N, C-alpha and C. Protein backbone atom coordinates (compact mmCIF):
# COMPACT_ATOMS: atom_id res chain seq x y z
N UNK A 1 1.09 25.66 27.42
CA UNK A 1 0.59 26.75 26.59
C UNK A 1 1.42 26.96 25.29
N UNK A 2 0.85 26.78 24.09
CA UNK A 2 1.59 27.04 22.92
C UNK A 2 1.87 28.56 22.69
N UNK A 3 3.15 28.96 22.35
CA UNK A 3 3.49 30.12 22.08
C UNK A 3 4.52 30.36 21.01
N UNK A 4 3.94 29.80 19.63
CA UNK A 4 4.81 29.83 18.52
C UNK A 4 5.47 31.19 18.15
N UNK A 5 4.76 32.21 18.27
CA UNK A 5 5.22 33.43 17.94
C UNK A 5 6.01 34.32 18.91
N UNK A 6 6.13 33.62 20.18
CA UNK A 6 6.94 34.22 21.22
C UNK A 6 6.40 35.58 21.66
N UNK A 7 5.06 35.75 21.78
CA UNK A 7 4.56 37.11 22.15
C UNK A 7 3.91 37.08 23.59
N UNK A 8 3.73 35.78 23.91
CA UNK A 8 2.81 35.69 25.31
C UNK A 8 3.95 35.92 26.43
N UNK A 9 3.52 36.65 27.32
CA UNK A 9 4.45 37.00 28.36
C UNK A 9 3.97 36.19 29.66
N UNK A 10 4.92 35.67 30.32
CA UNK A 10 4.74 35.04 31.67
C UNK A 10 5.59 35.60 32.75
N UNK A 11 4.92 35.79 33.93
CA UNK A 11 5.65 36.22 35.03
C UNK A 11 5.69 37.66 35.24
N UNK A 12 4.71 38.41 34.51
CA UNK A 12 4.69 39.88 34.56
C UNK A 12 4.38 40.40 36.18
N UNK A 13 3.41 39.83 36.65
CA UNK A 13 2.82 40.20 38.01
C UNK A 13 4.24 39.92 38.97
N UNK A 14 4.82 38.87 38.96
CA UNK A 14 6.10 38.73 39.77
C UNK A 14 7.12 39.77 39.40
N UNK A 15 7.39 40.04 38.21
CA UNK A 15 8.50 41.03 37.99
C UNK A 15 7.96 42.39 38.41
N UNK A 16 6.63 42.73 38.49
CA UNK A 16 6.21 44.00 38.96
C UNK A 16 6.43 44.00 40.46
N UNK A 17 6.19 42.93 41.10
CA UNK A 17 6.28 42.90 42.58
C UNK A 17 7.81 43.11 42.83
N UNK A 18 8.77 42.46 42.15
CA UNK A 18 10.10 42.73 42.36
C UNK A 18 10.54 44.15 42.22
N UNK A 19 10.01 44.64 41.06
CA UNK A 19 10.38 46.24 40.83
C UNK A 19 9.67 46.95 42.03
N UNK A 20 8.49 46.59 42.36
CA UNK A 20 8.07 47.50 43.47
C UNK A 20 8.87 47.47 44.64
N UNK A 21 9.48 46.35 45.04
CA UNK A 21 10.22 46.27 46.18
C UNK A 21 11.51 47.03 45.99
N UNK A 22 12.10 47.14 44.85
CA UNK A 22 13.26 47.88 44.48
C UNK A 22 12.92 49.47 44.65
N UNK A 23 11.74 49.91 44.05
CA UNK A 23 11.42 51.25 44.23
C UNK A 23 10.97 51.68 45.67
N UNK A 24 10.61 50.67 46.55
CA UNK A 24 10.53 50.95 47.87
C UNK A 24 11.93 51.37 48.51
N UNK A 25 12.91 50.79 48.05
CA UNK A 25 14.29 51.06 48.79
C UNK A 25 14.74 52.23 48.29
N UNK A 26 14.72 52.74 47.03
CA UNK A 26 15.52 53.80 46.41
C UNK A 26 14.53 54.61 45.62
N UNK A 27 15.13 55.84 45.34
CA UNK A 27 14.36 56.83 44.48
C UNK A 27 15.06 57.01 43.28
N UNK A 28 14.39 57.00 42.16
CA UNK A 28 14.94 57.12 40.83
C UNK A 28 14.24 58.29 40.02
N UNK A 29 15.16 59.12 39.26
CA UNK A 29 14.41 60.24 38.52
C UNK A 29 13.69 59.70 37.24
N UNK A 30 14.43 58.55 36.71
CA UNK A 30 13.85 58.10 35.39
C UNK A 30 14.34 56.52 35.23
N UNK A 31 14.06 56.00 34.08
CA UNK A 31 14.49 54.70 33.91
C UNK A 31 14.78 54.59 32.41
N UNK A 32 15.65 53.73 32.15
CA UNK A 32 16.49 53.46 30.75
C UNK A 32 16.38 51.91 30.65
N UNK A 33 15.81 51.51 29.45
CA UNK A 33 15.80 49.95 29.19
C UNK A 33 16.01 49.82 27.64
N UNK A 34 16.50 48.51 27.43
CA UNK A 34 16.89 48.05 25.98
C UNK A 34 16.01 46.74 25.97
N UNK A 35 15.34 46.79 24.70
CA UNK A 35 14.53 45.47 24.32
C UNK A 35 13.59 45.10 25.29
N UNK A 36 13.67 43.80 25.94
CA UNK A 36 12.65 43.57 26.95
C UNK A 36 12.64 44.60 28.07
N UNK A 37 13.93 45.01 28.41
CA UNK A 37 14.03 45.98 29.49
C UNK A 37 13.35 47.33 29.13
N UNK A 38 13.35 47.77 27.92
CA UNK A 38 12.59 48.86 27.42
C UNK A 38 11.28 48.66 27.51
N UNK A 39 10.64 47.57 27.16
CA UNK A 39 9.20 47.24 27.33
C UNK A 39 8.86 47.45 28.68
N UNK A 40 9.61 46.83 29.62
CA UNK A 40 9.34 46.74 30.99
C UNK A 40 9.43 48.36 31.63
N UNK A 41 10.41 49.00 31.09
CA UNK A 41 10.63 50.40 31.55
C UNK A 41 9.45 51.18 31.20
N UNK A 42 8.95 51.14 29.98
CA UNK A 42 7.64 51.91 29.62
C UNK A 42 6.62 51.50 30.46
N UNK A 43 6.39 50.24 30.69
CA UNK A 43 5.46 49.82 31.41
C UNK A 43 5.32 50.26 32.89
N UNK A 44 6.62 50.27 33.49
CA UNK A 44 6.72 50.80 34.78
C UNK A 44 6.51 52.24 34.86
N UNK A 45 7.02 53.00 33.99
CA UNK A 45 6.53 54.43 33.99
C UNK A 45 5.02 54.67 33.85
N UNK A 46 4.41 53.89 32.96
CA UNK A 46 2.88 54.09 33.03
C UNK A 46 2.25 53.58 34.22
N UNK A 47 2.65 52.60 34.84
CA UNK A 47 2.12 52.07 36.14
C UNK A 47 2.40 53.00 37.16
N UNK A 48 3.58 53.65 37.33
CA UNK A 48 3.81 54.77 38.29
C UNK A 48 2.87 55.80 38.11
N UNK A 49 2.30 56.30 37.07
CA UNK A 49 1.38 57.30 36.72
C UNK A 49 -0.09 56.80 37.24
N UNK A 50 -0.43 55.55 37.02
CA UNK A 50 -1.58 55.05 37.37
C UNK A 50 -1.49 53.74 38.39
N UNK A 51 -0.94 53.95 39.46
CA UNK A 51 -0.49 52.74 40.36
C UNK A 51 -1.85 51.97 40.65
N UNK A 52 -2.90 52.45 40.90
CA UNK A 52 -4.12 51.69 41.26
C UNK A 52 -4.69 50.80 40.30
N UNK A 53 -4.03 50.89 39.01
CA UNK A 53 -4.50 50.02 38.06
C UNK A 53 -4.05 48.51 38.44
N UNK A 54 -2.96 48.44 39.19
CA UNK A 54 -2.54 47.01 39.73
C UNK A 54 -2.49 47.04 41.22
N UNK A 55 -3.63 46.86 41.94
CA UNK A 55 -3.68 46.87 43.38
C UNK A 55 -2.45 46.15 43.94
N UNK A 56 -1.99 45.01 43.42
CA UNK A 56 -0.88 44.34 43.96
C UNK A 56 0.51 45.11 44.14
N UNK A 57 0.36 46.08 43.34
CA UNK A 57 1.72 47.08 43.10
C UNK A 57 1.70 48.02 44.22
N UNK A 58 0.68 48.29 44.84
CA UNK A 58 0.53 49.24 45.98
C UNK A 58 1.04 48.76 47.18
N UNK A 59 1.55 49.74 48.13
CA UNK A 59 1.99 49.36 49.52
C UNK A 59 1.05 50.11 50.48
N UNK A 60 0.11 49.39 51.19
CA UNK A 60 -0.79 49.92 52.09
C UNK A 60 -1.63 50.91 51.36
N UNK A 61 -2.10 50.59 50.16
CA UNK A 61 -2.96 51.39 49.44
C UNK A 61 -2.18 52.54 48.57
N UNK A 62 -0.92 52.74 48.78
CA UNK A 62 -0.15 53.85 48.23
C UNK A 62 0.93 53.40 47.14
N UNK A 63 1.18 54.22 46.15
CA UNK A 63 2.37 53.73 45.26
C UNK A 63 3.64 53.78 45.97
N UNK A 64 4.49 52.87 45.54
CA UNK A 64 5.86 52.62 46.19
C UNK A 64 6.78 53.70 45.86
N UNK A 65 6.49 54.65 44.82
CA UNK A 65 7.50 55.52 44.26
C UNK A 65 6.72 56.73 43.36
N UNK A 66 7.27 57.77 43.41
CA UNK A 66 6.49 58.76 42.62
C UNK A 66 6.78 58.54 41.07
N UNK A 67 5.88 59.09 40.11
CA UNK A 67 6.09 58.90 38.65
C UNK A 67 7.59 59.25 38.39
N UNK A 68 8.23 58.68 37.35
CA UNK A 68 9.37 58.97 36.70
C UNK A 68 9.31 60.22 35.96
N UNK A 69 10.41 61.12 35.89
CA UNK A 69 10.55 62.31 35.05
C UNK A 69 10.59 61.87 33.72
N UNK A 70 11.27 60.67 33.38
CA UNK A 70 11.49 60.36 32.00
C UNK A 70 11.62 58.92 31.86
N UNK A 71 11.65 58.44 30.73
CA UNK A 71 11.80 57.01 30.27
C UNK A 71 12.55 56.89 29.11
N UNK A 72 13.73 56.17 28.87
CA UNK A 72 14.24 55.79 27.62
C UNK A 72 14.09 54.37 27.16
N UNK A 73 13.60 54.20 26.03
CA UNK A 73 13.26 52.89 25.50
C UNK A 73 13.98 52.80 24.19
N UNK A 74 15.03 51.89 24.30
CA UNK A 74 15.75 51.61 23.29
C UNK A 74 15.39 50.13 22.76
N UNK A 75 14.89 49.96 21.46
CA UNK A 75 14.33 48.88 20.84
C UNK A 75 13.21 48.28 21.71
N UNK A 76 12.41 49.30 22.10
CA UNK A 76 11.28 48.83 23.00
C UNK A 76 10.06 48.47 22.27
N UNK A 77 9.03 47.82 22.98
CA UNK A 77 7.87 47.42 22.39
C UNK A 77 6.83 47.33 23.50
N UNK A 78 5.49 47.27 23.12
CA UNK A 78 4.32 47.24 23.91
C UNK A 78 4.41 45.82 24.41
N UNK A 79 4.10 45.66 25.64
CA UNK A 79 4.07 44.27 26.35
C UNK A 79 2.64 43.69 25.88
N UNK A 80 2.56 42.48 25.56
CA UNK A 80 1.21 41.97 25.15
C UNK A 80 0.82 41.02 26.42
N UNK A 81 -0.06 41.83 27.23
CA UNK A 81 -0.53 41.12 28.35
C UNK A 81 -1.75 41.81 28.78
N UNK A 82 -2.85 41.28 29.35
CA UNK A 82 -3.96 42.08 29.74
C UNK A 82 -3.69 43.08 30.71
N UNK A 83 -2.77 42.74 31.65
CA UNK A 83 -2.40 43.79 32.69
C UNK A 83 -1.70 44.96 32.12
N UNK A 84 -0.93 44.69 31.05
CA UNK A 84 -0.38 45.88 30.44
C UNK A 84 -1.26 46.70 29.62
N UNK A 85 -2.33 46.13 29.08
CA UNK A 85 -3.31 46.88 28.28
C UNK A 85 -3.99 47.80 29.27
N UNK A 86 -4.30 47.31 30.53
CA UNK A 86 -4.86 48.05 31.56
C UNK A 86 -4.08 49.18 31.96
N UNK A 87 -2.78 48.87 32.08
CA UNK A 87 -1.82 50.00 32.66
C UNK A 87 -1.62 51.05 31.67
N UNK A 88 -1.52 50.64 30.43
CA UNK A 88 -1.26 51.71 29.34
C UNK A 88 -2.53 52.33 29.09
N UNK A 89 -3.71 51.74 29.04
CA UNK A 89 -4.91 52.30 28.67
C UNK A 89 -4.74 52.93 27.35
N UNK A 90 -5.19 54.24 27.17
CA UNK A 90 -5.13 54.95 25.93
C UNK A 90 -3.63 55.44 25.67
N UNK A 91 -3.14 55.90 26.84
CA UNK A 91 -1.75 56.36 26.82
C UNK A 91 -1.04 56.56 28.09
N UNK A 92 0.22 56.84 28.15
CA UNK A 92 0.81 57.25 29.40
C UNK A 92 1.51 58.58 29.01
N UNK A 93 1.84 59.37 30.11
CA UNK A 93 2.31 60.67 29.82
C UNK A 93 3.79 60.98 30.19
N UNK A 94 4.49 60.03 30.73
CA UNK A 94 5.78 60.20 31.07
C UNK A 94 6.71 60.62 29.71
N UNK A 95 7.52 61.55 29.75
CA UNK A 95 8.32 61.83 28.64
C UNK A 95 9.21 60.68 28.33
N UNK A 96 9.14 60.12 27.06
CA UNK A 96 9.75 58.99 26.87
C UNK A 96 10.61 59.12 25.39
N UNK A 97 11.74 58.74 25.40
CA UNK A 97 12.76 58.75 24.33
C UNK A 97 12.84 57.38 23.87
N UNK A 98 12.09 57.23 22.45
CA UNK A 98 12.21 56.07 21.88
C UNK A 98 13.19 55.97 20.84
N UNK A 99 14.26 54.91 21.01
CA UNK A 99 15.41 54.84 20.05
C UNK A 99 15.10 53.63 19.24
N UNK A 100 15.05 53.83 17.91
CA UNK A 100 14.72 52.61 17.00
C UNK A 100 15.93 52.44 16.11
N UNK A 101 16.25 51.09 15.90
CA UNK A 101 17.22 50.88 14.85
C UNK A 101 16.63 50.59 13.57
N UNK A 102 16.87 51.28 12.56
CA UNK A 102 16.37 51.24 11.30
C UNK A 102 16.56 49.74 10.64
N UNK A 103 17.47 48.95 11.03
CA UNK A 103 17.69 47.61 10.45
C UNK A 103 17.45 46.51 11.52
N UNK A 104 16.63 46.86 12.67
CA UNK A 104 16.41 45.90 13.81
C UNK A 104 15.37 44.90 13.16
N UNK A 105 15.99 43.64 13.22
CA UNK A 105 14.88 42.50 12.84
C UNK A 105 14.47 41.77 14.13
N UNK A 106 15.00 42.14 15.30
CA UNK A 106 14.59 41.51 16.50
C UNK A 106 13.21 42.22 16.92
N UNK A 107 13.22 43.50 17.13
CA UNK A 107 12.13 44.42 17.54
C UNK A 107 11.85 45.22 16.28
N UNK A 108 10.93 44.64 15.34
CA UNK A 108 10.77 45.50 14.17
C UNK A 108 9.94 46.75 14.41
N UNK A 109 10.01 47.63 13.40
CA UNK A 109 9.30 48.94 13.65
C UNK A 109 7.93 48.87 14.15
N UNK A 110 7.15 47.91 13.48
CA UNK A 110 5.77 47.71 13.81
C UNK A 110 5.62 47.55 15.25
N UNK A 111 6.40 46.66 15.95
CA UNK A 111 6.30 46.46 17.45
C UNK A 111 6.66 47.62 18.19
N UNK A 112 7.68 48.35 17.75
CA UNK A 112 8.03 49.68 18.41
C UNK A 112 6.89 50.68 18.25
N UNK A 113 6.35 50.71 17.09
CA UNK A 113 5.40 51.78 16.98
C UNK A 113 4.14 51.49 17.80
N UNK A 114 3.84 50.28 18.20
CA UNK A 114 2.66 49.98 19.05
C UNK A 114 2.99 50.55 20.47
N UNK A 115 4.24 50.72 20.89
CA UNK A 115 4.58 51.47 22.12
C UNK A 115 4.38 52.97 21.82
N UNK A 116 4.95 53.39 20.84
CA UNK A 116 4.82 54.87 20.36
C UNK A 116 3.29 55.29 20.40
N UNK A 117 2.48 54.31 20.02
CA UNK A 117 1.08 54.90 19.91
C UNK A 117 0.54 55.07 21.26
N UNK A 118 1.08 54.54 22.31
CA UNK A 118 0.46 54.78 23.61
C UNK A 118 1.42 55.82 24.49
N UNK A 119 2.41 56.42 23.77
CA UNK A 119 3.20 57.22 24.37
C UNK A 119 2.80 58.75 24.07
N UNK A 120 2.21 59.31 25.04
CA UNK A 120 1.68 60.62 24.71
C UNK A 120 2.65 61.65 24.67
N UNK A 121 3.72 61.45 25.22
CA UNK A 121 4.74 62.59 25.28
C UNK A 121 6.03 61.83 24.74
N UNK A 122 6.17 61.49 23.50
CA UNK A 122 7.34 60.78 22.85
C UNK A 122 8.26 61.55 22.06
N UNK A 123 9.53 61.20 22.28
CA UNK A 123 10.64 61.76 21.04
C UNK A 123 11.14 60.50 20.58
N UNK A 124 11.30 60.47 19.27
CA UNK A 124 11.76 59.46 18.45
C UNK A 124 13.10 59.68 17.94
N UNK A 125 14.14 58.95 18.20
CA UNK A 125 15.34 59.04 17.36
C UNK A 125 15.75 57.63 16.80
N UNK A 126 16.37 57.64 15.59
CA UNK A 126 16.62 56.57 14.82
C UNK A 126 18.09 56.52 14.64
N UNK A 127 18.52 55.24 14.65
CA UNK A 127 20.02 54.90 14.21
C UNK A 127 20.00 54.00 13.03
N UNK A 128 21.13 54.01 12.43
CA UNK A 128 21.22 53.35 11.25
C UNK A 128 21.39 51.68 11.39
N UNK A 129 21.71 51.35 12.66
CA UNK A 129 21.85 49.81 12.82
C UNK A 129 20.68 49.16 13.29
N UNK A 130 21.07 47.91 13.97
CA UNK A 130 19.97 46.93 14.25
C UNK A 130 19.68 46.99 15.64
N UNK A 131 19.62 45.73 16.30
CA UNK A 131 19.09 45.54 17.62
C UNK A 131 20.33 45.89 18.73
N UNK A 132 20.70 47.01 19.12
CA UNK A 132 21.64 47.35 19.92
C UNK A 132 21.47 48.84 20.50
N UNK A 133 22.04 49.16 21.55
CA UNK A 133 22.10 50.57 22.06
C UNK A 133 23.14 51.27 21.16
N UNK A 134 22.94 52.22 20.55
CA UNK A 134 23.96 52.98 19.64
C UNK A 134 24.93 53.50 20.62
N UNK A 135 26.31 53.37 20.31
CA UNK A 135 27.33 53.73 21.39
C UNK A 135 28.44 54.50 20.68
N UNK A 136 28.22 55.19 19.54
CA UNK A 136 29.27 56.09 19.01
C UNK A 136 29.30 57.23 20.02
N UNK A 137 30.48 58.09 19.79
CA UNK A 137 30.66 59.22 20.55
C UNK A 137 29.49 60.18 20.58
N UNK A 138 28.85 60.32 19.38
CA UNK A 138 27.76 61.26 19.24
C UNK A 138 26.61 60.72 19.99
N UNK A 139 26.31 59.48 19.94
CA UNK A 139 25.28 58.84 20.71
C UNK A 139 25.35 58.88 22.27
N UNK A 140 26.78 58.65 22.71
CA UNK A 140 26.92 58.66 24.02
C UNK A 140 26.82 60.12 24.59
N UNK A 141 27.20 61.02 23.85
CA UNK A 141 27.05 62.43 24.32
C UNK A 141 25.55 62.70 24.23
N UNK A 142 24.70 62.35 23.19
CA UNK A 142 23.41 62.59 23.20
C UNK A 142 22.76 61.98 24.53
N UNK A 143 22.92 60.74 24.76
CA UNK A 143 22.38 60.21 26.02
C UNK A 143 22.70 60.79 27.18
N UNK A 144 23.99 61.20 27.45
CA UNK A 144 24.49 62.04 28.54
C UNK A 144 23.56 63.30 28.74
N UNK A 145 23.57 64.12 27.62
CA UNK A 145 22.88 65.18 27.66
C UNK A 145 21.41 65.18 27.83
N UNK A 146 20.77 64.03 27.28
CA UNK A 146 19.37 63.83 27.49
C UNK A 146 19.18 63.53 29.02
N UNK A 147 19.89 62.60 29.58
CA UNK A 147 19.70 62.14 30.81
C UNK A 147 19.92 63.25 31.79
N UNK A 148 20.79 64.40 31.49
CA UNK A 148 21.03 65.43 32.42
C UNK A 148 19.87 66.46 32.41
N UNK A 149 19.08 66.51 31.08
CA UNK A 149 18.08 67.44 30.85
C UNK A 149 17.02 66.88 29.83
N UNK A 150 16.09 65.94 30.35
CA UNK A 150 15.21 65.07 29.42
C UNK A 150 14.23 66.01 28.88
N UNK A 151 13.91 67.15 29.41
CA UNK A 151 12.87 68.12 28.93
C UNK A 151 13.49 69.23 28.16
N UNK A 152 14.82 69.18 28.00
CA UNK A 152 15.45 70.32 27.19
C UNK A 152 15.46 70.03 25.89
N UNK A 153 16.11 70.94 25.22
CA UNK A 153 16.34 70.84 23.66
C UNK A 153 17.71 70.24 23.41
N UNK A 154 17.85 68.88 23.43
CA UNK A 154 19.04 68.06 23.13
C UNK A 154 19.17 67.93 21.59
N UNK A 155 20.09 68.34 20.86
CA UNK A 155 20.07 68.05 19.52
C UNK A 155 20.15 66.52 19.12
N UNK A 156 19.50 66.17 18.12
CA UNK A 156 19.47 64.74 17.65
C UNK A 156 20.87 64.22 17.35
N UNK A 157 21.27 63.09 17.63
CA UNK A 157 22.46 62.34 17.41
C UNK A 157 22.51 61.78 15.86
N UNK A 158 21.42 61.77 15.30
CA UNK A 158 21.15 61.09 14.04
C UNK A 158 21.68 61.85 12.76
N UNK A 159 22.14 63.03 12.96
CA UNK A 159 22.64 63.74 11.74
C UNK A 159 23.68 63.16 10.93
N UNK A 160 23.38 62.06 10.33
CA UNK A 160 24.46 61.39 9.37
C UNK A 160 25.22 60.41 9.91
N UNK A 161 25.14 60.29 11.27
CA UNK A 161 26.05 59.33 11.88
C UNK A 161 25.53 57.83 11.88
N UNK A 162 26.45 56.84 11.41
CA UNK A 162 25.96 55.42 11.50
C UNK A 162 26.37 54.86 12.83
N UNK A 163 25.36 54.43 13.63
CA UNK A 163 25.79 53.88 14.97
C UNK A 163 25.89 52.41 14.86
N UNK A 164 27.25 51.91 14.75
CA UNK A 164 27.48 50.56 14.74
C UNK A 164 28.29 50.13 15.87
N UNK A 165 27.96 48.98 16.54
CA UNK A 165 28.75 48.50 17.65
C UNK A 165 30.03 47.91 17.20
N UNK A 166 31.11 48.40 17.77
CA UNK A 166 32.34 47.71 17.46
C UNK A 166 32.88 46.84 18.44
N UNK A 167 32.14 46.66 19.35
CA UNK A 167 32.47 45.51 20.41
C UNK A 167 32.44 44.20 20.00
N UNK A 168 31.70 43.92 18.91
CA UNK A 168 31.67 42.43 18.34
C UNK A 168 30.47 41.84 19.11
N UNK A 169 29.61 42.62 19.75
CA UNK A 169 28.52 41.96 20.66
C UNK A 169 27.15 42.44 20.01
N UNK A 170 27.28 43.06 18.82
CA UNK A 170 25.94 43.44 18.25
C UNK A 170 25.11 42.33 17.76
N UNK A 171 23.75 42.49 17.83
CA UNK A 171 22.86 41.31 17.16
C UNK A 171 22.90 41.48 15.71
N UNK A 172 22.72 40.38 14.96
CA UNK A 172 22.69 40.43 13.53
C UNK A 172 21.47 41.44 13.19
N UNK A 173 21.79 42.03 11.94
CA UNK A 173 20.67 42.91 11.48
C UNK A 173 19.81 42.31 10.41
N UNK A 174 20.27 41.12 9.90
CA UNK A 174 19.37 40.31 8.88
C UNK A 174 19.09 39.03 9.49
N UNK A 175 17.98 38.49 9.27
CA UNK A 175 17.57 37.15 9.76
C UNK A 175 18.75 36.11 9.30
N UNK A 176 19.17 35.21 10.06
CA UNK A 176 20.07 34.12 9.84
C UNK A 176 21.55 34.72 9.53
N UNK A 177 21.89 35.95 9.64
CA UNK A 177 23.22 36.28 9.55
C UNK A 177 24.19 36.00 10.82
N UNK A 178 25.26 35.83 10.74
CA UNK A 178 26.15 35.58 11.88
C UNK A 178 27.32 36.63 11.74
N UNK A 179 27.55 37.07 12.97
CA UNK A 179 28.62 37.87 13.11
C UNK A 179 30.01 37.17 13.45
């Protein structure tokens, strides 16, 4: 199968079965994902709201886990797959923090906005960088505070701070650039 723009998804059903089995063993309050993991985190949050959308996800006709209280999607996007379209439907309601990099060339704003459009209870925060989880002190404190109280009034970390990765592991912010 040709996939020149790399948007077709393979193995979604198997991935959801694996996650179902993990959710059967343990209980989680929420989910945090980056890039492809953020796409899957949002999809899983939506599926736990509407588990009967995918009968294979059920265990003896019941969901494997209660819905999450929150989802964090850093550089996330809406999965392009018929099952994902069914799961998201018009929208999902799990409170979701969407973190977007203003110079992200891997998951561009248009792709992130497609996920935002189906997120009925969204909070959006932007950082000045590209395709990475912001990790300055301000962002780490923000994530800590948000994870402790996702429905609370946690101040934005974006007030003038530039979130750059100093680890040397950040993804380039312009096509073809090398770090």
